[in-house]
Amino acid sequence: MTHFPQVNSQRRAPRAQLGGSVPAVIMLQDGGRTKARLQTVSVTGGLLRLTQSLEQGDFVEIAFQTQSGPVRGMAEMLAANRTRSEVIQAFRFLALGDEDHRALRTVLESAADQSFAGLRSKQFSKSNAF
């Protein structure tokens, strides 16, 4: 069953702050690919660090590796902010498969538990699996 993450205006989805430590691959509509690093992620979306911004409204596939398994989901690119050396761009998940959703939720729950305990999450793998 595919999950279609919904934003709840009453409560913000828990986030994991990754600081750009997790590599991600973005598959574009035209078949091209670009690399990014995850800054923040939640079950509804996140922030990417990119060298160039993508068009706001573009539909893409985002893939990254966690210790709970790979996560691959369809997403819409949102607003981008430029810094001196990079672009920080938001995205929202449109659809996640069962296993992708499970892996993401497991990692977010683990990150929240470790954050609560004052520890840094190591649930995201730094390997280049994609």
N, C-alpha and C. Protein backbone atom coordinates (compact mmCIF):
# COMPACT_ATOMS: atom_id res chain seq x y z
N MET A 1 0.84 -1.17 0.00
CA MET A 1 0.00 0.00 0.00
C MET A 1 0.89 1.24 0.00
N THR A 2 0.60 2.18 -0.85
CA THR A 2 1.36 3.41 -0.92
C THR A 2 0.84 4.40 0.11
N HIS A 3 1.77 5.10 0.75
CA HIS A 3 1.41 6.13 1.72
C HIS A 3 1.46 7.49 1.05
N PHE A 4 0.47 8.31 1.32
CA PHE A 4 0.40 9.67 0.80
C PHE A 4 0.45 10.61 1.99
N PRO A 5 1.67 11.05 2.39
CA PRO A 5 1.81 11.87 3.59
C PRO A 5 0.94 13.13 3.53
N GLN A 6 0.25 13.39 4.62
CA GLN A 6 -0.62 14.56 4.72
C GLN A 6 -0.07 15.51 5.78
N VAL A 7 -0.07 16.77 5.46
CA VAL A 7 0.36 17.78 6.42
C VAL A 7 -0.80 18.06 7.36
N ASN A 8 -0.52 18.05 8.65
CA ASN A 8 -1.52 18.36 9.66
C ASN A 8 -1.25 19.78 10.16
N SER A 9 -2.16 20.69 9.89
CA SER A 9 -1.95 22.09 10.27
C SER A 9 -1.95 22.29 11.78
N GLN A 10 -2.46 21.34 12.53
CA GLN A 10 -2.52 21.45 13.98
C GLN A 10 -1.20 21.02 14.65
N ARG A 11 -0.50 20.10 14.01
CA ARG A 11 0.72 19.55 14.62
C ARG A 11 1.78 19.30 13.56
N ARG A 12 2.95 19.80 13.78
CA ARG A 12 4.05 19.65 12.85
C ARG A 12 4.64 18.24 12.99
N ALA A 13 5.00 17.64 11.86
CA ALA A 13 5.60 16.30 11.88
C ALA A 13 6.98 16.35 12.54
N PRO A 14 7.33 15.34 13.34
CA PRO A 14 8.67 15.31 13.94
C PRO A 14 9.74 15.30 12.85
N ARG A 15 10.84 15.99 13.12
CA ARG A 15 11.93 16.11 12.16
C ARG A 15 13.22 15.58 12.74
N ALA A 16 14.08 15.11 11.85
CA ALA A 16 15.44 14.75 12.23
C ALA A 16 16.36 15.75 11.55
N GLN A 17 17.20 16.42 12.35
CA GLN A 17 18.18 17.37 11.83
C GLN A 17 19.44 16.59 11.49
N LEU A 18 19.80 16.57 10.22
CA LEU A 18 20.92 15.75 9.76
C LEU A 18 22.16 16.55 9.43
N GLY A 19 22.03 17.84 9.30
CA GLY A 19 23.18 18.69 9.03
C GLY A 19 23.86 18.42 7.70
N GLY A 20 23.16 17.86 6.75
CA GLY A 20 23.75 17.60 5.44
C GLY A 20 24.66 16.39 5.41
N SER A 21 24.53 15.49 6.39
CA SER A 21 25.43 14.34 6.47
C SER A 21 24.99 13.15 5.63
N VAL A 22 23.76 13.17 5.10
CA VAL A 22 23.24 12.01 4.37
C VAL A 22 23.12 12.32 2.88
N PRO A 23 23.85 11.57 2.04
CA PRO A 23 23.74 11.79 0.59
C PRO A 23 22.37 11.34 0.07
N ALA A 24 21.88 12.06 -0.91
CA ALA A 24 20.61 11.72 -1.55
C ALA A 24 20.77 11.87 -3.06
N VAL A 25 19.99 11.11 -3.79
CA VAL A 25 19.95 11.22 -5.25
C VAL A 25 18.56 11.70 -5.63
N ILE A 26 18.51 12.66 -6.53
CA ILE A 26 17.24 13.21 -7.02
C ILE A 26 17.11 12.81 -8.48
N MET A 27 16.04 12.08 -8.80
CA MET A 27 15.75 11.71 -10.19
C MET A 27 14.73 12.72 -10.72
N LEU A 28 15.10 13.39 -11.80
CA LEU A 28 14.29 14.45 -12.37
C LEU A 28 13.29 13.91 -13.38
N GLN A 29 12.28 14.71 -13.70
CA GLN A 29 11.25 14.31 -14.65
C GLN A 29 11.81 13.98 -16.03
N ASP A 30 12.88 14.68 -16.43
CA ASP A 30 13.45 14.46 -17.76
C ASP A 30 14.40 13.27 -17.81
N GLY A 31 14.50 12.52 -16.72
CA GLY A 31 15.37 11.35 -16.66
C GLY A 31 16.75 11.66 -16.11
N GLY A 32 17.07 12.92 -15.92
CA GLY A 32 18.37 13.30 -15.36
C GLY A 32 18.42 13.03 -13.86
N ARG A 33 19.62 13.15 -13.33
CA ARG A 33 19.85 12.94 -11.90
C ARG A 33 20.71 14.07 -11.36
N THR A 34 20.54 14.34 -10.10
CA THR A 34 21.42 15.27 -9.42
C THR A 34 21.63 14.76 -8.00
N LYS A 35 22.75 15.16 -7.41
CA LYS A 35 23.06 14.75 -6.05
C LYS A 35 22.72 15.87 -5.08
N ALA A 36 22.41 15.48 -3.86
CA ALA A 36 22.09 16.43 -2.80
C ALA A 36 22.50 15.81 -1.47
N ARG A 37 22.36 16.59 -0.42
CA ARG A 37 22.56 16.10 0.94
C ARG A 37 21.35 16.51 1.76
N LEU A 38 20.87 15.57 2.57
CA LEU A 38 19.70 15.84 3.42
C LEU A 38 20.11 16.71 4.60
N GLN A 39 19.44 17.83 4.76
CA GLN A 39 19.65 18.71 5.90
C GLN A 39 18.68 18.33 7.03
N THR A 40 17.42 18.12 6.66
CA THR A 40 16.34 17.80 7.59
C THR A 40 15.37 16.87 6.89
N VAL A 41 14.76 15.94 7.63
CA VAL A 41 13.75 15.07 7.02
C VAL A 41 12.65 14.77 8.03
N SER A 42 11.44 14.60 7.50
CA SER A 42 10.28 14.17 8.29
C SER A 42 9.46 13.24 7.40
N VAL A 43 8.36 12.70 7.92
CA VAL A 43 7.52 11.84 7.10
C VAL A 43 6.77 12.62 6.03
N THR A 44 6.74 13.94 6.14
CA THR A 44 6.03 14.76 5.15
C THR A 44 6.96 15.46 4.17
N GLY A 45 8.28 15.46 4.42
CA GLY A 45 9.21 16.13 3.51
C GLY A 45 10.51 16.46 4.19
N GLY A 46 11.17 17.52 3.72
CA GLY A 46 12.44 17.88 4.32
C GLY A 46 13.13 19.01 3.59
N LEU A 47 14.43 19.14 3.89
CA LEU A 47 15.29 20.14 3.27
C LEU A 47 16.49 19.45 2.66
N LEU A 48 16.88 19.90 1.47
CA LEU A 48 18.04 19.37 0.77
C LEU A 48 19.08 20.47 0.60
N ARG A 49 20.35 20.09 0.65
CA ARG A 49 21.46 20.97 0.27
C ARG A 49 21.86 20.59 -1.15
N LEU A 50 21.82 21.56 -2.04
CA LEU A 50 22.11 21.34 -3.46
C LEU A 50 23.13 22.37 -3.94
N THR A 51 23.80 22.08 -5.05
CA THR A 51 24.68 23.08 -5.65
C THR A 51 23.89 24.03 -6.53
N GLN A 52 22.77 23.56 -7.10
CA GLN A 52 21.88 24.38 -7.92
C GLN A 52 20.44 24.08 -7.53
N SER A 53 19.61 25.12 -7.54
CA SER A 53 18.21 24.89 -7.17
C SER A 53 17.47 24.18 -8.29
N LEU A 54 16.44 23.47 -7.91
CA LEU A 54 15.51 22.86 -8.86
C LEU A 54 14.31 23.78 -8.96
N GLU A 55 13.53 23.62 -9.99
CA GLU A 55 12.35 24.48 -10.17
C GLU A 55 11.31 24.18 -9.11
N GLN A 56 10.80 25.22 -8.48
CA GLN A 56 9.71 25.04 -7.54
C GLN A 56 8.53 24.44 -8.30
N GLY A 57 7.93 23.39 -7.74
CA GLY A 57 6.82 22.70 -8.39
C GLY A 57 7.23 21.48 -9.18
N ASP A 58 8.55 21.28 -9.39
CA ASP A 58 9.02 20.07 -10.09
C ASP A 58 8.65 18.83 -9.28
N PHE A 59 8.25 17.78 -9.99
CA PHE A 59 8.01 16.48 -9.37
C PHE A 59 9.24 15.62 -9.59
N VAL A 60 9.77 15.06 -8.51
CA VAL A 60 11.02 14.30 -8.55
C VAL A 60 10.87 13.03 -7.73
N GLU A 61 11.86 12.16 -7.85
CA GLU A 61 11.98 11.01 -6.96
C GLU A 61 13.24 11.23 -6.14
N ILE A 62 13.12 11.12 -4.82
CA ILE A 62 14.24 11.31 -3.91
C ILE A 62 14.58 9.97 -3.29
N ALA A 63 15.88 9.63 -3.28
CA ALA A 63 16.33 8.35 -2.71
C ALA A 63 17.52 8.60 -1.79
N PHE A 64 17.48 7.95 -0.62
CA PHE A 64 18.60 8.00 0.31
C PHE A 64 18.61 6.73 1.14
N GLN A 65 19.73 6.46 1.77
CA GLN A 65 19.92 5.23 2.53
C GLN A 65 19.87 5.52 4.02
N THR A 66 19.17 4.67 4.77
CA THR A 66 19.19 4.73 6.23
C THR A 66 19.62 3.36 6.75
N GLN A 67 19.93 3.29 8.03
CA GLN A 67 20.29 1.99 8.60
C GLN A 67 19.07 1.08 8.69
N SER A 68 17.89 1.64 8.57
CA SER A 68 16.66 0.83 8.55
C SER A 68 16.29 0.40 7.14
N GLY A 69 17.05 0.84 6.16
CA GLY A 69 16.78 0.48 4.77
C GLY A 69 16.72 1.70 3.89
N PRO A 70 16.65 1.46 2.58
CA PRO A 70 16.58 2.59 1.65
C PRO A 70 15.21 3.27 1.73
N VAL A 71 15.20 4.55 1.43
CA VAL A 71 13.95 5.32 1.34
C VAL A 71 13.93 5.95 -0.04
N ARG A 72 12.84 5.71 -0.74
CA ARG A 72 12.65 6.25 -2.08
C ARG A 72 11.22 6.74 -2.16
N GLY A 73 11.04 8.01 -2.50
CA GLY A 73 9.69 8.55 -2.56
C GLY A 73 9.53 9.61 -3.62
N MET A 74 8.30 9.76 -4.06
CA MET A 74 7.95 10.83 -4.99
C MET A 74 7.77 12.11 -4.18
N ALA A 75 8.26 13.23 -4.73
CA ALA A 75 8.21 14.48 -3.99
C ALA A 75 7.99 15.67 -4.93
N GLU A 76 7.54 16.74 -4.34
CA GLU A 76 7.41 18.02 -5.05
C GLU A 76 8.43 18.98 -4.46
N MET A 77 9.18 19.64 -5.33
CA MET A 77 10.16 20.62 -4.87
C MET A 77 9.43 21.91 -4.50
N LEU A 78 9.84 22.50 -3.38
CA LEU A 78 9.23 23.73 -2.88
C LEU A 78 10.24 24.87 -2.98
N ALA A 79 10.08 25.89 -2.19
CA ALA A 79 10.92 27.09 -2.26
C ALA A 79 12.39 26.78 -1.96
N ALA A 80 13.27 27.54 -2.61
CA ALA A 80 14.72 27.40 -2.41
C ALA A 80 15.27 28.69 -1.81
N ASN A 81 16.29 28.53 -0.97
CA ASN A 81 17.02 29.67 -0.40
C ASN A 81 18.49 29.50 -0.72
N ARG A 82 19.11 30.54 -1.25
CA ARG A 82 20.54 30.50 -1.59
C ARG A 82 21.38 31.00 -0.42
N THR A 83 22.50 30.32 -0.20
CA THR A 83 23.53 30.82 0.71
C THR A 83 24.71 31.17 -0.19
N ARG A 84 25.83 31.51 0.38
CA ARG A 84 27.00 31.85 -0.44
C ARG A 84 27.51 30.67 -1.25
N SER A 85 27.42 29.47 -0.68
CA SER A 85 28.05 28.33 -1.34
C SER A 85 27.09 27.24 -1.81
N GLU A 86 25.81 27.34 -1.43
CA GLU A 86 24.89 26.27 -1.79
C GLU A 86 23.44 26.75 -1.77
N VAL A 87 22.56 25.84 -2.11
CA VAL A 87 21.12 26.10 -2.09
C VAL A 87 20.49 25.17 -1.07
N ILE A 88 19.61 25.70 -0.24
CA ILE A 88 18.80 24.89 0.67
C ILE A 88 17.40 24.91 0.09
N GLN A 89 16.88 23.73 -0.27
CA GLN A 89 15.57 23.68 -0.91
C GLN A 89 14.66 22.68 -0.22
N ALA A 90 13.45 23.12 0.04
CA ALA A 90 12.44 22.28 0.69
C ALA A 90 11.77 21.36 -0.33
N PHE A 91 11.29 20.22 0.17
CA PHE A 91 10.49 19.31 -0.65
C PHE A 91 9.41 18.71 0.23
N ARG A 92 8.34 18.25 -0.41
CA ARG A 92 7.32 17.52 0.34
C ARG A 92 7.09 16.19 -0.35
N PHE A 93 7.01 15.14 0.47
CA PHE A 93 6.72 13.82 -0.08
C PHE A 93 5.28 13.79 -0.57
N LEU A 94 5.10 13.20 -1.75
CA LEU A 94 3.76 12.99 -2.29
C LEU A 94 3.32 11.55 -2.12
N ALA A 95 4.28 10.61 -2.21
CA ALA A 95 3.96 9.19 -2.08
C ALA A 95 5.20 8.43 -1.64
N LEU A 96 5.00 7.49 -0.73
CA LEU A 96 6.05 6.59 -0.24
C LEU A 96 5.49 5.17 -0.23
N GLY A 97 6.29 4.20 -0.67
CA GLY A 97 5.89 2.80 -0.58
C GLY A 97 5.89 2.34 0.87
N ASP A 98 5.29 1.19 1.13
CA ASP A 98 5.20 0.66 2.49
C ASP A 98 6.57 0.55 3.17
N GLU A 99 7.52 -0.09 2.49
CA GLU A 99 8.84 -0.30 3.10
C GLU A 99 9.59 1.01 3.27
N ASP A 100 9.43 1.92 2.33
CA ASP A 100 10.07 3.23 2.45
C ASP A 100 9.50 4.00 3.64
N HIS A 101 8.19 3.97 3.78
CA HIS A 101 7.52 4.65 4.89
C HIS A 101 7.95 4.04 6.22
N ARG A 102 8.01 2.71 6.28
CA ARG A 102 8.43 2.02 7.51
C ARG A 102 9.87 2.41 7.88
N ALA A 103 10.78 2.38 6.90
CA ALA A 103 12.19 2.72 7.17
C ALA A 103 12.31 4.16 7.66
N LEU A 104 11.59 5.07 7.03
CA LEU A 104 11.65 6.48 7.42
C LEU A 104 11.08 6.69 8.83
N ARG A 105 9.94 6.09 9.12
CA ARG A 105 9.34 6.23 10.46
C ARG A 105 10.25 5.63 11.54
N THR A 106 10.85 4.47 11.25
CA THR A 106 11.75 3.83 12.21
C THR A 106 12.92 4.74 12.53
N VAL A 107 13.51 5.31 11.51
CA VAL A 107 14.66 6.19 11.69
C VAL A 107 14.26 7.46 12.44
N LEU A 108 13.12 8.04 12.11
CA LEU A 108 12.68 9.25 12.80
C LEU A 108 12.37 8.98 14.27
N GLU A 109 11.75 7.85 14.56
CA GLU A 109 11.48 7.49 15.95
C GLU A 109 12.77 7.27 16.72
N SER A 110 13.73 6.61 16.09
CA SER A 110 15.02 6.38 16.73
C SER A 110 15.76 7.70 16.96
N ALA A 111 15.72 8.59 15.96
CA ALA A 111 16.38 9.90 16.11
C ALA A 111 15.73 10.69 17.24
N ALA A 112 14.40 10.63 17.34
CA ALA A 112 13.70 11.34 18.41
C ALA A 112 14.07 10.76 19.77
N ASP A 113 14.14 9.43 19.87
CA ASP A 113 14.52 8.79 21.13
C ASP A 113 15.93 9.19 21.54
N GLN A 114 16.85 9.17 20.58
CA GLN A 114 18.24 9.50 20.88
C GLN A 114 18.40 10.99 21.17
N SER A 115 17.64 11.82 20.48
CA SER A 115 17.68 13.26 20.74
C SER A 115 17.17 13.55 22.15
N PHE A 116 16.11 12.86 22.53
CA PHE A 116 15.55 13.02 23.86
C PHE A 116 16.58 12.62 24.91
N ALA A 117 17.38 11.61 24.61
CA ALA A 117 18.41 11.14 25.54
C ALA A 117 19.68 11.98 25.45
N GLY A 118 19.70 12.97 24.53
CA GLY A 118 20.88 13.82 24.40
C GLY A 118 21.96 13.23 23.53
N LEU A 119 21.62 12.26 22.72
CA LEU A 119 22.59 11.61 21.86
C LEU A 119 22.33 11.98 20.41
N ARG A 120 23.36 11.90 19.57
CA ARG A 120 23.21 12.18 18.14
C ARG A 120 22.80 10.89 17.44
N SER A 121 21.83 10.99 16.54
CA SER A 121 21.35 9.81 15.82
C SER A 121 22.38 9.31 14.83
N LYS A 122 22.57 8.00 14.81
CA LYS A 122 23.44 7.37 13.82
C LYS A 122 22.63 6.45 12.94
N GLN A 123 21.33 6.65 12.91
CA GLN A 123 20.44 5.79 12.13
C GLN A 123 20.55 6.02 10.64
N PHE A 124 21.10 7.16 10.22
CA PHE A 124 21.25 7.41 8.80
C PHE A 124 22.64 6.97 8.39
N SER A 125 22.69 6.17 7.37
CA SER A 125 23.96 5.65 6.88
C SER A 125 24.62 6.69 5.98
N LYS A 126 25.93 6.80 6.06
CA LYS A 126 26.66 7.74 5.22
C LYS A 126 27.19 7.08 3.95
N SER A 127 26.77 5.85 3.69
CA SER A 127 27.24 5.16 2.48
C SER A 127 26.55 5.72 1.25
N ASN A 128 27.19 5.59 0.12
CA ASN A 128 26.61 6.03 -1.15
C ASN A 128 25.96 4.84 -1.81
N ALA A 129 24.81 4.44 -1.31
CA ALA A 129 24.13 3.24 -1.80
C ALA A 129 23.42 3.47 -3.12
N PHE A 130 23.25 4.72 -3.52
CA PHE A 130 22.52 4.99 -4.75
C PHE A 130 23.44 5.48 -5.82
